[in-house]
C-alpha atoms as a PDB file:
ATOM      1  CA  MET A   1      24.626   5.046   8.255  1.00  0.00           C
ATOM      2  CA  ASN A   2      24.866   1.539   5.815  1.00  0.00           C
ATOM      3  CA  GLN A   3      28.169   1.399   4.117  1.00  0.00           C
ATOM      4  CA  SER A   4      26.865  -0.741   1.232  1.00  0.00           C
ATOM      5  CA  SER A   5      26.485   0.458  -2.167  1.00  0.00           C
ATOM      6  CA  MET A   6      23.376   2.168  -3.442  1.00  0.00           C
ATOM      7  CA  GLU A   7      23.073  -0.711  -6.130  1.00  0.00           C
ATOM      8  CA  GLU A   8      23.148  -2.884  -3.319  1.00  0.00           C
ATOM      9  CA  ARG A   9      20.518  -1.768  -1.190  1.00  0.00           C
ATOM     10  CA  PHE A  10      17.978  -1.302  -4.206  1.00  0.00           C
ATOM     11  CA  ARG A  11      15.115  -2.857  -3.178  1.00  0.00           C
ATOM     12  CA  TYR A  12      13.498  -2.943  -6.743  1.00  0.00           C
ATOM     13  CA  ASP A  13      13.288  -6.413  -8.410  1.00  0.00           C
ATOM     14  CA  CYS A  14      10.893  -6.529 -11.560  1.00  0.00           C
ATOM     15  CA  SER A  15      12.352  -9.670 -13.017  1.00  0.00           C
ATOM     16  CA  GLY A  16       8.883 -10.975 -12.203  1.00  0.00           C
ATOM     17  CA  LYS A  17       5.485 -10.461 -13.349  1.00  0.00           C
ATOM     18  CA  TRP A  18       3.296  -7.142 -11.843  1.00  0.00           C
ATOM     19  CA  PHE A  19       0.364  -8.359  -9.997  1.00  0.00           C
ATOM     20  CA  LYS A  20      -2.427  -5.645  -9.497  1.00  0.00           C
ATOM     21  CA  GLY A  21      -4.237  -6.273  -6.019  1.00  0.00           C
ATOM     22  CA  ASN A  22      -6.564  -4.476  -3.250  1.00  0.00           C
ATOM     23  CA  LEU A  23      -5.654  -5.194   0.044  1.00  0.00           C
ATOM     24  CA  HIS A  24      -8.348  -3.094   2.361  1.00  0.00           C
ATOM     25  CA  MET A  25     -12.134  -4.533   1.210  1.00  0.00           C
ATOM     26  CA  HIS A  26     -15.652  -5.028   3.391  1.00  0.00           C
ATOM     27  CA  THR A  27     -18.474  -6.996   2.822  1.00  0.00           C
ATOM     28  CA  THR A  28     -21.973  -7.975   4.117  1.00  0.00           C
ATOM     29  CA  LEU A  29     -19.857  -9.774   6.888  1.00  0.00           C
ATOM     30  CA  SER A  30     -19.351  -6.700   8.454  1.00  0.00           C
ATOM     31  CA  ASP A  31     -20.361  -3.335   7.199  1.00  0.00           C
ATOM     32  CA  GLY A  32     -20.117  -3.615   3.131  1.00  0.00           C
ATOM     33  CA  ARG A  33     -22.973  -3.606   0.737  1.00  0.00           C
ATOM     34  CA  LEU A  34     -21.638  -6.609  -1.481  1.00  0.00           C
ATOM     35  CA  THR A  35     -21.542 -10.024  -0.790  1.00  0.00           C
ATOM     36  CA  LEU A  36     -17.798 -11.950  -1.230  1.00  0.00           C
ATOM     37  CA  ALA A  37     -19.078 -13.420  -3.963  1.00  0.00           C
ATOM     38  CA  GLU A  38     -20.269  -9.950  -5.583  1.00  0.00           C
ATOM     39  CA  ALA A  39     -17.195  -8.449  -4.270  1.00  0.00           C
ATOM     40  CA  CYS A  40     -14.729 -10.960  -5.767  1.00  0.00           C
ATOM     41  CA  ALA A  41     -16.523 -11.069  -8.931  1.00  0.00           C
ATOM     42  CA  LEU A  42     -16.291  -7.186  -9.594  1.00  0.00           C
ATOM     43  CA  TYR A  43     -12.681  -7.224  -8.893  1.00  0.00           C
ATOM     44  CA  ALA A  44     -12.150 -10.239 -11.260  1.00  0.00           C
ATOM     45  CA  GLU A  45     -14.194  -8.269 -13.763  1.00  0.00           C
ATOM     46  CA  ARG A  46     -12.118  -5.484 -13.353  1.00  0.00           C
ATOM     47  CA  GLY A  47      -8.488  -7.238 -14.003  1.00  0.00           C
ATOM     48  CA  TYR A  48      -7.435  -7.614 -10.450  1.00  0.00           C
ATOM     49  CA  ASP A  49      -4.991 -11.013  -9.692  1.00  0.00           C
ATOM     50  CA  PHE A  50      -5.829 -10.748  -5.725  1.00  0.00           C
ATOM     51  CA  ILE A  51      -7.987  -8.870  -3.196  1.00  0.00           C
ATOM     52  CA  SER A  52      -7.895  -9.315   0.512  1.00  0.00           C
ATOM     53  CA  ILE A  53     -11.240  -9.591   2.447  1.00  0.00           C
ATOM     54  CA  THR A  54     -10.233  -7.250   5.395  1.00  0.00           C
ATOM     55  CA  ASP A  55     -14.215  -7.292   7.239  1.00  0.00           C
ATOM     56  CA  HIS A  56     -14.037  -5.413  10.470  1.00  0.00           C
ATOM     57  CA  ARG A  57     -13.659  -7.747  13.708  1.00  0.00           C
ATOM     58  CA  VAL A  58     -14.392 -10.640  11.570  1.00  0.00           C
ATOM     59  CA  PRO A  59     -10.992 -12.752  10.440  1.00  0.00           C
ATOM     60  CA  PHE A  60     -11.271 -14.299   6.890  1.00  0.00           C
ATOM     61  CA  VAL A  61      -9.671 -17.229   6.228  1.00  0.00           C
ATOM     62  CA  GLY A  62     -10.061 -18.661   2.807  1.00  0.00           C
ATOM     63  CA  ALA A  63      -8.744 -22.430   3.652  1.00  0.00           C
ATOM     64  CA  GLU A  64     -11.937 -22.394   6.293  1.00  0.00           C
ATOM     65  CA  SER A  65     -14.730 -20.773   3.723  1.00  0.00           C
ATOM     66  CA  GLY A  66     -14.955 -23.863   1.209  1.00  0.00           C
ATOM     67  CA  GLU A  67     -15.452 -22.087  -1.408  1.00  0.00           C
ATOM     68  CA  GLN A  68     -13.780 -21.167  -4.839  1.00  0.00           C
ATOM     69  CA  PHE A  69     -13.472 -17.781  -5.884  1.00  0.00           C
ATOM     70  CA  PRO A  70     -12.295 -16.098  -9.544  1.00  0.00           C
ATOM     71  CA  ILE A  71      -9.563 -14.424  -8.011  1.00  0.00           C
ATOM     72  CA  MET A  72      -7.368 -15.081  -5.265  1.00  0.00           C
ATOM     73  CA  ILE A  73      -7.978 -14.063  -1.422  1.00  0.00           C
ATOM     74  CA  LEU A  74      -5.615 -13.235   1.030  1.00  0.00           C
ATOM     75  CA  ASP A  75      -6.846 -13.842   4.524  1.00  0.00           C
ATOM     76  CA  GLY A  76      -7.641 -10.615   6.544  1.00  0.00           C
ATOM     77  CA  ILE A  77      -9.246  -8.384   8.907  1.00  0.00           C
ATOM     78  CA  GLU A  78      -9.375  -5.201  10.029  1.00  0.00           C
ATOM     79  CA  LEU A  79      -9.400  -3.893  13.552  1.00  0.00           C
ATOM     80  CA  ASP A  80     -10.170  -0.899  15.308  1.00  0.00           C
ATOM     81  CA  GLY A  81     -10.249   0.373  18.470  1.00  0.00           C
ATOM     82  CA  ARG A  82      -8.176   2.507  21.371  1.00  0.00           C
ATOM     83  CA  ASP A  83      -4.896   1.522  22.442  1.00  0.00           C
ATOM     84  CA  ASP A  84      -3.730   1.507  26.359  1.00  0.00           C
ATOM     85  CA  GLN A  85      -3.055   5.459  25.711  1.00  0.00           C
ATOM     86  CA  GLY A  86      -6.198   5.815  24.241  1.00  0.00           C
ATOM     87  CA  SER A  87      -5.771   6.464  20.987  1.00  0.00           C
ATOM     88  CA  GLY A  88      -7.872   5.408  18.238  1.00  0.00           C
ATOM     89  CA  TYR A  89      -6.461   3.063  14.937  1.00  0.00           C
ATOM     90  CA  HIS A  90      -7.596   1.495  12.428  1.00  0.00           C
ATOM     91  CA  ALA A  91      -5.082  -1.584  11.604  1.00  0.00           C
ATOM     92  CA  VAL A  92      -5.402  -3.868   8.034  1.00  0.00           C
ATOM     93  CA  CYS A  93      -4.075  -7.124   8.991  1.00  0.00           C
ATOM     94  CA  ILE A  94      -2.870  -9.114   6.222  1.00  0.00           C
ATOM     95  CA  GLY A  95      -1.812 -13.472   6.459  1.00  0.00           C
ATOM     96  CA  ASP A  96      -2.615 -15.398   9.271  1.00  0.00           C
ATOM     97  CA  VAL A  97      -5.273 -14.140  10.872  1.00  0.00           C
ATOM     98  CA  GLY A  98      -6.860 -16.828  12.229  1.00  0.00           C
ATOM     99  CA  GLY A  99      -7.826 -16.901  16.203  1.00  0.00           C
ATOM    100  CA  ILE A 100      -8.477 -12.969  16.583  1.00  0.00           C
ATOM    101  CA  SER A 101     -11.304 -12.878  17.709  1.00  0.00           C
ATOM    102  CA  ARG A 102     -14.185  -9.792  18.317  1.00  0.00           C
ATOM    103  CA  ASP A 103     -13.569 -10.111  22.437  1.00  0.00           C
ATOM    104  CA  MET A 104     -10.090  -9.169  21.945  1.00  0.00           C
ATOM    105  CA  ASP A 105      -9.124  -5.207  23.146  1.00  0.00           C
ATOM    106  CA  LEU A 106      -7.186  -3.589  20.063  1.00  0.00           C
ATOM    107  CA  THR A 107      -3.588  -3.640  21.396  1.00  0.00           C
ATOM    108  CA  GLU A 108      -4.395  -7.551  22.468  1.00  0.00           C
ATOM    109  CA  ALA A 109      -5.273  -8.373  18.884  1.00  0.00           C
ATOM    110  CA  MET A 110      -2.775  -6.398  16.898  1.00  0.00           C
ATOM    111  CA  GLU A 111      -0.267  -8.240  19.182  1.00  0.00           C
ATOM    112  CA  LYS A 112      -1.628 -11.406  18.157  1.00  0.00           C
ATOM    113  CA  ALA A 113      -1.481 -10.750  14.626  1.00  0.00           C
ATOM    114  CA  ARG A 114       1.639  -9.867  14.537  1.00  0.00           C
ATOM    115  CA  ALA A 115       3.080 -12.859  16.478  1.00  0.00           C
ATOM    116  CA  GLN A 116       1.116 -14.950  13.866  1.00  0.00           C
ATOM    117  CA  GLY A 117       3.144 -13.390  10.945  1.00  0.00           C
ATOM    118  CA  CYS A 118       0.883 -11.101  10.061  1.00  0.00           C
ATOM    119  CA  PHE A 119       1.822  -7.739   7.510  1.00  0.00           C
ATOM    120  CA  LEU A 120       0.225  -4.475   9.509  1.00  0.00           C
ATOM    121  CA  ILE A 121      -0.679  -1.602   7.803  1.00  0.00           C
ATOM    122  CA  TRP A 122      -1.597   2.007   9.698  1.00  0.00           C
ATOM    123  CA  ALA A 123      -5.476   2.614   7.809  1.00  0.00           C
ATOM    124  CA  HIS A 124      -6.122   5.657   6.580  1.00  0.00           C
ATOM    125  CA  PRO A 125      -3.891   8.316   9.220  1.00  0.00           C
ATOM    126  CA  TYR A 126      -5.626  11.341   7.937  1.00  0.00           C
ATOM    127  CA  ALA A 127      -9.334  10.569   7.999  1.00  0.00           C
ATOM    128  CA  SER A 128      -8.787   8.710  11.402  1.00  0.00           C
ATOM    129  CA  ASN A 129      -7.023  11.741  13.050  1.00  0.00           C
ATOM    130  CA  ASN A 130      -3.665  10.116  13.927  1.00  0.00           C
ATOM    131  CA  THR A 131      -0.306  11.804  14.679  1.00  0.00           C
ATOM    132  CA  VAL A 132       2.740  10.856  13.200  1.00  0.00           C
ATOM    133  CA  ALA A 133       3.780  10.042  16.738  1.00  0.00           C
ATOM    134  CA  GLU A 134       1.154   7.352  16.775  1.00  0.00           C
ATOM    135  CA  GLY A 135       2.135   5.941  14.066  1.00  0.00           C
ATOM    136  CA  LEU A 136       5.295   4.856  15.528  1.00  0.00           C
ATOM    137  CA  ARG A 137       3.963   3.350  18.265  1.00  0.00           C
ATOM    138  CA  HIS A 138       2.844  -0.017  17.492  1.00  0.00           C
ATOM    139  CA  GLY A 139       5.170  -1.119  15.130  1.00  0.00           C
ATOM    140  CA  PHE A 140       3.285  -0.825  11.945  1.00  0.00           C
ATOM    141  CA  HIS A 141       5.040  -2.433   8.202  1.00  0.00           C
ATOM    142  CA  GLY A 142       3.601  -0.140   5.949  1.00  0.00           C
ATOM    143  CA  LEU A 143       0.674   2.553   5.888  1.00  0.00           C
ATOM    144  CA  GLU A 144      -2.214   3.869   3.816  1.00  0.00           C
ATOM    145  CA  ILE A 145      -0.599   6.776   1.976  1.00  0.00           C
ATOM    146  CA  TYR A 146      -3.782   6.324  -0.326  1.00  0.00           C
ATOM    147  CA  ASN A 147      -7.436   5.541   0.812  1.00  0.00           C
ATOM    148  CA  HIS A 148      -9.774   5.710  -2.011  1.00  0.00           C
ATOM    149  CA  SER A 149     -12.824   5.705  -0.338  1.00  0.00           C
ATOM    150  CA  CYS A 150     -11.747   7.865   2.031  1.00  0.00           C
ATOM    151  CA  GLU A 151     -10.936  10.823  -0.256  1.00  0.00           C
ATOM    152  CA  VAL A 152     -14.096  10.257  -2.059  1.00  0.00           C
ATOM    153  CA  GLY A 153     -16.530  10.351   0.664  1.00  0.00           C
ATOM    154  CA  LEU A 154     -14.388  12.992   2.994  1.00  0.00           C
ATOM    155  CA  GLY A 155     -11.548  14.409   0.779  1.00  0.00           C
ATOM    156  CA  LYS A 156      -9.067  12.720   3.356  1.00  0.00           C
ATOM    157  CA  GLY A 157      -7.069   9.920   2.033  1.00  0.00           C
ATOM    158  CA  GLN A 158      -3.742  10.722   0.876  1.00  0.00           C
ATOM    159  CA  SER A 159      -0.973  10.768   4.097  1.00  0.00           C
ATOM    160  CA  THR A 160       2.147  10.911   2.526  1.00  0.00           C
ATOM    161  CA  TYR A 161       2.876  13.463   4.860  1.00  0.00           C
ATOM    162  CA  HIS A 162       2.421  11.293   7.551  1.00  0.00           C
ATOM    163  CA  TRP A 163       5.042   8.892   5.567  1.00  0.00           C
ATOM    164  CA  ASP A 164       7.537  11.235   5.126  1.00  0.00           C
ATOM    165  CA  SER A 165       7.422  12.449   8.518  1.00  0.00           C
ATOM    166  CA  ILE A 166       7.850   8.559   9.676  1.00  0.00           C
ATOM    167  CA  LEU A 167      10.505   7.991   7.038  1.00  0.00           C
ATOM    168  CA  ARG A 168      12.734   9.943   8.869  1.00  0.00           C
ATOM    169  CA  GLN A 169      12.926   7.909  11.676  1.00  0.00           C
ATOM    170  CA  GLN A 170      11.936   4.334  10.348  1.00  0.00           C
ATOM    171  CA  ILE A 171      12.957   4.165   6.825  1.00  0.00           C
ATOM    172  CA  ASP A 172      11.789   0.782   5.633  1.00  0.00           C
ATOM    173  CA  MET A 173       7.975   2.169   6.308  1.00  0.00           C
ATOM    174  CA  LEU A 174       6.246   0.583   3.339  1.00  0.00           C
ATOM    175  CA  GLY A 175       3.387   3.186   1.343  1.00  0.00           C
ATOM    176  CA  LEU A 176       0.300   1.477   0.386  1.00  0.00           C
ATOM    177  CA  ALA A 177      -2.685   2.355  -1.515  1.00  0.00           C
ATOM    178  CA  THR A 178      -5.886   1.087  -1.012  1.00  0.00           C
ATOM    179  CA  ASP A 179     -10.000   1.226  -1.833  1.00  0.00           C
ATOM    180  CA  ASP A 180     -11.149   0.178   1.669  1.00  0.00           C
ATOM    181  CA  ASN A 181     -14.239  -0.309  -0.569  1.00  0.00           C
ATOM    182  CA  HIS A 182     -17.443  -0.904   1.295  1.00  0.00           C
ATOM    183  CA  PHE A 183     -19.941  -0.136  -1.997  1.00  0.00           C
ATOM    184  CA  PHE A 184     -21.482   2.429   0.148  1.00  0.00           C
ATOM    185  CA  ASP A 185     -25.159   3.780  -1.730  1.00  0.00           C
ATOM    186  CA  GLY A 186     -24.703   7.538  -3.117  1.00  0.00           C
ATOM    187  CA  LEU A 187     -20.953   6.852  -3.790  1.00  0.00           C
ATOM    188  CA  PRO A 188     -19.670   5.657  -6.841  1.00  0.00           C
ATOM    189  CA  THR A 189     -17.884   2.122  -6.711  1.00  0.00           C
ATOM    190  CA  GLN A 190     -14.747   2.756  -4.986  1.00  0.00           C
ATOM    191  CA  VAL A 191     -12.087   1.126  -7.190  1.00  0.00           C
ATOM    192  CA  GLY A 192      -9.790   3.645  -7.553  1.00  0.00           C
ATOM    193  CA  GLY A 193      -6.619   2.877  -5.238  1.00  0.00           C
ATOM    194  CA  TRP A 194      -3.603  -0.619  -5.894  1.00  0.00           C
ATOM    195  CA  VAL A 195      -1.030  -1.962  -5.273  1.00  0.00           C
ATOM    196  CA  MET A 196       1.101  -3.784  -8.183  1.00  0.00           C
ATOM    197  CA  VAL A 197       3.490  -6.430  -6.959  1.00  0.00           C
ATOM    198  CA  ASN A 198       6.493  -7.551  -8.537  1.00  0.00           C
ATOM    199  CA  ALA A 199       6.658 -11.624  -8.306  1.00  0.00           C
ATOM    200  CA  THR A 200       7.603 -14.625 -10.048  1.00  0.00           C
ATOM    201  CA  GLU A 201       4.375 -16.687  -8.813  1.00  0.00           C
ATOM    202  CA  LEU A 202       0.549 -15.945  -8.080  1.00  0.00           C
ATOM    203  CA  SER A 203       0.112 -17.446  -5.068  1.00  0.00           C
ATOM    204  CA  PRO A 204      -0.454 -16.143  -1.391  1.00  0.00           C
ATOM    205  CA  GLU A 205       3.275 -17.250  -0.319  1.00  0.00           C
ATOM    206  CA  GLY A 206       4.454 -15.058  -3.097  1.00  0.00           C
ATOM    207  CA  ILE A 207       2.428 -12.203  -3.038  1.00  0.00           C
ATOM    208  CA  LEU A 208       3.009 -12.100   0.226  1.00  0.00           C
ATOM    209  CA  ALA A 209       6.586 -12.148   0.686  1.00  0.00           C
ATOM    210  CA  SER A 210       7.065  -9.385  -2.204  1.00  0.00           C
ATOM    211  CA  ILE A 211       5.053  -7.110   0.081  1.00  0.00           C
ATOM    212  CA  ARG A 212       7.074  -7.479   2.944  1.00  0.00           C
ATOM    213  CA  GLN A 213      10.121  -7.043   0.768  1.00  0.00           C
ATOM    214  CA  GLY A 214       8.537  -3.948  -0.678  1.00  0.00           C
ATOM    215  CA  ASN A 215       8.901  -5.232  -4.026  1.00  0.00           C
ATOM    216  CA  PHE A 216       5.726  -3.647  -5.329  1.00  0.00           C
ATOM    217  CA  TYR A 217       4.184   0.235  -5.884  1.00  0.00           C
ATOM    218  CA  SER A 218       0.895   1.748  -4.982  1.00  0.00           C
ATOM    219  CA  SER A 219      -1.238   3.551  -7.671  1.00  0.00           C
ATOM    220  CA  SER A 220      -4.396   5.619  -8.368  1.00  0.00           C
ATOM    221  CA  GLY A 221      -3.579   5.908 -12.309  1.00  0.00           C
ATOM    222  CA  PRO A 222      -0.296   5.454 -13.917  1.00  0.00           C
ATOM    223  CA  GLU A 223       2.085   2.464 -13.984  1.00  0.00           C
ATOM    224  CA  PHE A 224       5.896   2.083 -13.093  1.00  0.00           C
ATOM    225  CA  LYS A 225       6.802  -0.785 -16.324  1.00  0.00           C
ATOM    226  CA  SER A 226      10.058  -1.112 -14.718  1.00  0.00           C
ATOM    227  CA  ILE A 227      12.202   0.557 -11.638  1.00  0.00           C
ATOM    228  CA  TYR A 228      15.993   0.151 -11.474  1.00  0.00           C
ATOM    229  CA  ILE A 229      19.702   1.740 -10.935  1.00  0.00           C
ATOM    230  CA  GLU A 230      22.858   2.315 -12.904  1.00  0.00           C
ATOM    231  CA  LYS A 231      25.503   4.342 -13.105  1.00  0.00           C
ATOM    232  CA  GLY A 232      26.005   4.195  -9.175  1.00  0.00           C
ATOM    233  CA  ASN A 233      23.096   6.145  -8.316  1.00  0.00           C
ATOM    234  CA  ARG A 234      20.655   6.833 -11.019  1.00  0.00           C
ATOM    235  CA  VAL A 235      17.442   5.959 -10.759  1.00  0.00           C
ATOM    236  CA  VAL A 236      15.416   5.253 -14.229  1.00  0.00           C
ATOM    237  CA  ALA A 237      11.392   4.412 -14.382  1.00  0.00           C
ATOM    238  CA  GLU A 238       9.835   3.314 -17.470  1.00  0.00           C
ATOM    239  CA  THR A 239       6.386   4.313 -16.650  1.00  0.00           C
ATOM    240  CA  SER A 240       2.491   4.435 -18.447  1.00  0.00           C
ATOM    241  CA  PRO A 241       2.535   8.195 -20.440  1.00  0.00           C
ATOM    242  CA  ILE A 242       3.041  10.590 -17.210  1.00  0.00           C
ATOM    243  CA  VAL A 243       3.286  14.819 -16.823  1.00  0.00           C
ATOM    244  CA  HIS A 244       5.101  15.087 -13.805  1.00  0.00           C
ATOM    245  CA  ALA A 245       7.962  12.894 -12.232  1.00  0.00           C
ATOM    246  CA  ARG A 246       9.422  13.260  -8.759  1.00  0.00           C
ATOM    247  CA  LEU A 247      12.010  12.015  -6.586  1.00  0.00           C
ATOM    248  CA  ALA A 248      11.133  13.065  -3.022  1.00  0.00           C
ATOM    249  CA  GLY A 249      13.405  12.719  -0.066  1.00  0.00           C
ATOM    250  CA  PRO A 250      13.864  14.032   3.710  1.00  0.00           C
ATOM    251  CA  GLY A 251      12.201  17.247   4.698  1.00  0.00           C
ATOM    252  CA  GLY A 252      11.494  19.643   1.676  1.00  0.00           C
ATOM    253  CA  ALA A 253      14.335  17.728  -0.307  1.00  0.00           C
ATOM    254  CA  GLY A 254      13.633  17.030  -3.569  1.00  0.00           C
ATOM    255  CA  LYS A 255      14.037  16.397  -7.692  1.00  0.00           C
ATOM    256  CA  TRP A 256      11.454  17.428 -10.381  1.00  0.00           C
ATOM    257  CA  LYS A 257      10.536  17.176 -13.961  1.00  0.00           C
ATOM    258  CA  ALA A 258       7.063  18.224 -15.458  1.00  0.00           C
ATOM    259  CA  GLU A 259       6.312  18.651 -18.731  1.00  0.00           C
ATOM    260  CA  VAL A 260       4.154  21.650 -18.973  1.00  0.00           C
ATOM    261  CA  ASP A 261       2.503  20.631 -22.816  1.00  0.00           C
ATOM    262  CA  LEU A 262       1.167  17.884 -21.499  1.00  0.00           C
ATOM    263  CA  SER A 263       3.128  16.323 -23.812  1.00  0.00           C
ATOM    264  CA  ASN A 264       3.577  12.948 -22.160  1.00  0.00           C
ATOM    265  CA  VAL A 265       6.899  10.800 -21.327  1.00  0.00           C
ATOM    266  CA  THR A 266       7.347   7.085 -20.363  1.00  0.00           C
ATOM    267  CA  VAL A 267      11.052   7.347 -18.919  1.00  0.00           C
ATOM    268  CA  SER A 268      12.396   9.484 -16.312  1.00  0.00           C
ATOM    269  CA  HIS A 269      15.742   9.450 -14.527  1.00  0.00           C
ATOM    270  CA  PHE A 270      17.191  11.286 -11.471  1.00  0.00           C
ATOM    271  CA  ARG A 271      20.574  11.147  -9.577  1.00  0.00           C
ATOM    272  CA  ILE A 272      19.579  10.092  -6.194  1.00  0.00           C
ATOM    273  CA  PRO A 273      21.963  11.812  -3.571  1.00  0.00           C
ATOM    274  CA  ASP A 274      24.375  10.393  -1.983  1.00  0.00           C
ATOM    275  CA  ASP A 275      23.623  12.364   1.829  1.00  0.00           C
ATOM    276  CA  TRP A 276      19.698  11.684   1.549  1.00  0.00           C
ATOM    277  CA  PRO A 277      18.647   8.628   3.887  1.00  0.00           C
ATOM    278  CA  TYR A 278      15.945   7.625   1.629  1.00  0.00           C
ATOM    279  CA  ALA A 279      14.617   8.401  -1.554  1.00  0.00           C
ATOM    280  CA  ARG A 280      11.203   7.657  -3.862  1.00  0.00           C
ATOM    281  CA  LEU A 281       9.657   7.893  -6.646  1.00  0.00           C
ATOM    282  CA  GLU A 282       6.377   9.610  -7.604  1.00  0.00           C
ATOM    283  CA  ILE A 283       4.325  10.112 -11.366  1.00  0.00           C
ATOM    284  CA  ALA A 284       1.444  11.987 -12.060  1.00  0.00           C
ATOM    285  CA  ASP A 285      -0.493  11.472 -15.247  1.00  0.00           C
ATOM    286  CA  ALA A 286      -2.763  13.683 -17.115  1.00  0.00           C
ATOM    287  CA  PHE A 287      -6.152  12.800 -15.549  1.00  0.00           C
ATOM    288  CA  GLY A 288      -4.788  13.680 -11.657  1.00  0.00           C
ATOM    289  CA  GLY A 289      -3.551   9.737 -10.866  1.00  0.00           C
ATOM    290  CA  LYS A 290      -0.922   9.116  -9.044  1.00  0.00           C
ATOM    291  CA  ALA A 291       1.651   6.309  -8.253  1.00  0.00           C
ATOM    292  CA  TRP A 292       4.204   6.336  -5.436  1.00  0.00           C
ATOM    293  CA  SER A 293       7.198   3.905  -5.038  1.00  0.00           C
ATOM    294  CA  ASN A 294       8.464   2.764  -1.834  1.00  0.00           C
ATOM    295  CA  THR A 295      12.000   4.215  -0.790  1.00  0.00           C
ATOM    296  CA  LEU A 296      14.651   3.076  -3.089  1.00  0.00           C
ATOM    297  CA  LEU A 297      17.048   1.763  -0.984  1.00  0.00           C
ATOM    298  CA  ARG A 298      16.840  -0.595   1.972  1.00  0.00           C
ATOM    299  CA  VAL A 299      17.894  -0.136   5.334  1.00  0.00           C
END
């Protein structure tokens, strides 16, 4: 058991600026319906600060493109296939993806991405019919707890069950919301899941450093303005107007506050029990949107 105080272990530092980003999307370089330029323009127009291009088995390396875009782009790729035990995965890799090629099998490609310092995300585990055990197998840094495209198209976009189950064994697993946008015909433009990263500057290095530290939250609607701890174990969240706030703990443990008359609140607080190995915040607005913090305490 870590003997450091909760203040010393508290994850969030909200002294920087919040930057909005989508870490999972596709273009005509793989199976998306918009070109790279069109996709970048769409996200820039919607107020995003950064995106990552994660086409299937096609590495995006911005330095090699020689193009100028209206939004900051993180290098990325989505890998898919089966591992040496026959389990099928989709894995989003953010960072140095150069040298990853189509002829690599899934395990080889993930190992190369990890060796190059990529941030590895277990993509849409519910929609991929993955088990919790499979999620622990390859050392992912985070998983998609909300995939907007899978939710809109399949009703299988939420994977908080996988997240909470993994947190019992891997407390620092991070949770991310993404679009997985393909811009498919017949579906609304799938812009509905994002991360808000707190960083001192908008640069690939600054954003990736904060993501690795878990100094971000994920959302499909509401906002955390600030998350901080006081009086030893009291976590305080300042938010956009919400109607539900929850402190989720291990197993069936949890605390909740609700405004049944829909009179929105903007400040919520909970005491974190000393015997909880982890706790995370979840808020919901009157329109059904949710936002999720990462686990509040580092290992």
